[in-house]
C-alpha atoms as a PDB file:
ATOM      1  CA  MET A   1      97.655  98.741  97.943  1.00  0.00           C
ATOM      2  CA  TYR A   2      99.069 101.317 100.125  1.00  0.00           C
ATOM      3  CA  ALA A   3     102.705  99.887  99.852  1.00  0.00           C
ATOM      4  CA  GLY A   4     102.812 100.580  96.390  1.00  0.00           C
ATOM      5  CA  LEU A   5     103.798  96.821  95.366  1.00  0.00           C
ATOM      6  CA  ARG A   6     103.325  95.954  91.952  1.00  0.00           C
ATOM      7  CA  ARG A   7     100.614  92.866  91.465  1.00  0.00           C
ATOM      8  CA  GLY A   8     103.446  90.222  90.595  1.00  0.00           C
ATOM      9  CA  GLU A   9     105.197  91.246  93.768  1.00  0.00           C
ATOM     10  CA  LEU A  10     102.046  90.962  95.739  1.00  0.00           C
ATOM     11  CA  MET A  11     101.294  87.292  94.424  1.00  0.00           C
ATOM     12  CA  ALA A  12     104.897  86.248  95.276  1.00  0.00           C
ATOM     13  CA  LEU A  13     104.833  87.789  98.372  1.00  0.00           C
ATOM     14  CA  TRP A  14     105.364  85.241 101.465  1.00  0.00           C
ATOM     15  CA  TRP A  15     104.376  85.808 104.810  1.00  0.00           C
ATOM     16  CA  HIS A  16     108.101  85.457 106.233  1.00  0.00           C
ATOM     17  CA  ARG A  17     109.013  88.585 104.161  1.00  0.00           C
ATOM     18  CA  VAL A  18     106.368  90.601 105.844  1.00  0.00           C
ATOM     19  CA  ASP A  19     107.796  91.841 109.363  1.00  0.00           C
ATOM     20  CA  LEU A  20     104.741  93.578 111.083  1.00  0.00           C
ATOM     21  CA  GLY A  21     106.733  94.173 114.332  1.00  0.00           C
ATOM     22  CA  SER A  22     109.241  96.553 112.587  1.00  0.00           C
ATOM     23  CA  GLY A  23     106.813  97.704 109.835  1.00  0.00           C
ATOM     24  CA  LEU A  24     108.832  96.328 106.908  1.00  0.00           C
ATOM     25  CA  ILE A  25     107.914  94.209 103.801  1.00  0.00           C
ATOM     26  CA  ARG A  26     111.044  92.586 102.001  1.00  0.00           C
ATOM     27  CA  VAL A  27     110.162  92.431  98.094  1.00  0.00           C
ATOM     28  CA  GLU A  28     112.114  89.444  96.852  1.00  0.00           C
ATOM     29  CA  ARG A  29     110.412  87.883  94.056  1.00  0.00           C
ATOM     30  CA  GLY A  30     107.680  88.852  91.828  1.00  0.00           C
ATOM     31  CA  TRP A  31     105.194  86.488  89.825  1.00  0.00           C
ATOM     32  CA  ASP A  32     104.894  85.704  86.022  1.00  0.00           C
ATOM     33  CA  ASP A  33     101.715  83.968  85.136  1.00  0.00           C
ATOM     34  CA  LYS A  34     103.500  81.580  83.049  1.00  0.00           C
ATOM     35  CA  GLU A  35     106.898  80.891  84.900  1.00  0.00           C
ATOM     36  CA  GLY A  36     105.625  81.360  88.654  1.00  0.00           C
ATOM     37  CA  GLU A  37     107.838  83.016  90.826  1.00  0.00           C
ATOM     38  CA  ILE A  38     110.422  85.081  89.312  1.00  0.00           C
ATOM     39  CA  GLU A  39     113.633  87.245  90.173  1.00  0.00           C
ATOM     40  CA  THR A  40     112.417  90.958  90.821  1.00  0.00           C
ATOM     41  CA  LYS A  41     114.275  93.779  88.550  1.00  0.00           C
ATOM     42  CA  GLY A  42     116.595  94.685  91.287  1.00  0.00           C
ATOM     43  CA  ARG A  43     118.418  91.529  92.259  1.00  0.00           C
ATOM     44  CA  ASN A  44     118.737  92.443  95.998  1.00  0.00           C
ATOM     45  CA  GLY A  45     114.944  93.196  96.255  1.00  0.00           C
ATOM     46  CA  ARG A  46     114.015  96.019  98.373  1.00  0.00           C
ATOM     47  CA  LYS A  47     112.774  96.988 101.797  1.00  0.00           C
ATOM     48  CA  VAL A  48     108.915  98.748 101.813  1.00  0.00           C
ATOM     49  CA  PRO A  49     107.584 100.511 104.798  1.00  0.00           C
ATOM     50  CA  ILE A  50     103.987  99.341 106.083  1.00  0.00           C
ATOM     51  CA  PRO A  51     101.688 102.365 106.691  1.00  0.00           C
ATOM     52  CA  GLY A  52      99.517 101.712 109.692  1.00  0.00           C
ATOM     53  CA  VAL A  53      96.264 101.310 107.881  1.00  0.00           C
ATOM     54  CA  LEU A  54      97.932  98.530 106.011  1.00  0.00           C
ATOM     55  CA  ARG A  55      99.578  97.026 109.176  1.00  0.00           C
ATOM     56  CA  ASP A  56      95.975  96.471 110.526  1.00  0.00           C
ATOM     57  CA  TYR A  57      94.706  94.942 107.461  1.00  0.00           C
ATOM     58  CA  LEU A  58      97.568  92.723 106.887  1.00  0.00           C
ATOM     59  CA  ASP A  59      97.431  91.751 110.695  1.00  0.00           C
ATOM     60  CA  GLU A  60      93.888  90.599 110.204  1.00  0.00           C
ATOM     61  CA  HIS A  61      94.692  88.869 106.931  1.00  0.00           C
ATOM     62  CA  ARG A  62      97.247  86.787 108.590  1.00  0.00           C
ATOM     63  CA  LEU A  63      95.027  85.667 111.172  1.00  0.00           C
ATOM     64  CA  ARG A  64      92.621  84.439 108.683  1.00  0.00           C
ATOM     65  CA  GLY A  65      95.057  82.491 106.366  1.00  0.00           C
ATOM     66  CA  GLY A  66      98.688  82.800 107.996  1.00  0.00           C
ATOM     67  CA  GLU A  67     101.007  80.330 106.388  1.00  0.00           C
ATOM     68  CA  GLY A  68     102.567  80.424 102.803  1.00  0.00           C
ATOM     69  CA  ARG A  69     101.932  83.681 100.094  1.00  0.00           C
ATOM     70  CA  ALA A  70      99.932  86.332 101.560  1.00  0.00           C
ATOM     71  CA  PHE A  71      97.773  86.782  98.463  1.00  0.00           C
ATOM     72  CA  GLY A  72      98.824  84.077  95.977  1.00  0.00           C
ATOM     73  CA  ASN A  73      98.144  80.585  95.998  1.00  0.00           C
ATOM     74  CA  GLY A  74     100.659  78.223  98.205  1.00  0.00           C
END
């Protein structure tokens, strides 16, 4: 996607780590198909800016789903 997150980071992304107001995503976890959520390579994670075109998409996507993980099950 536009934010440059890895597939596993997208799968483990929870809505409470997406701050549309400040335009930042806190990437703190990854996803492994066998183990589920795992630590990211950088133990403290990272903050990724949300481009405007992605912010609009995430805003609409959140209105449809809203809670739990943004893109995975849960």
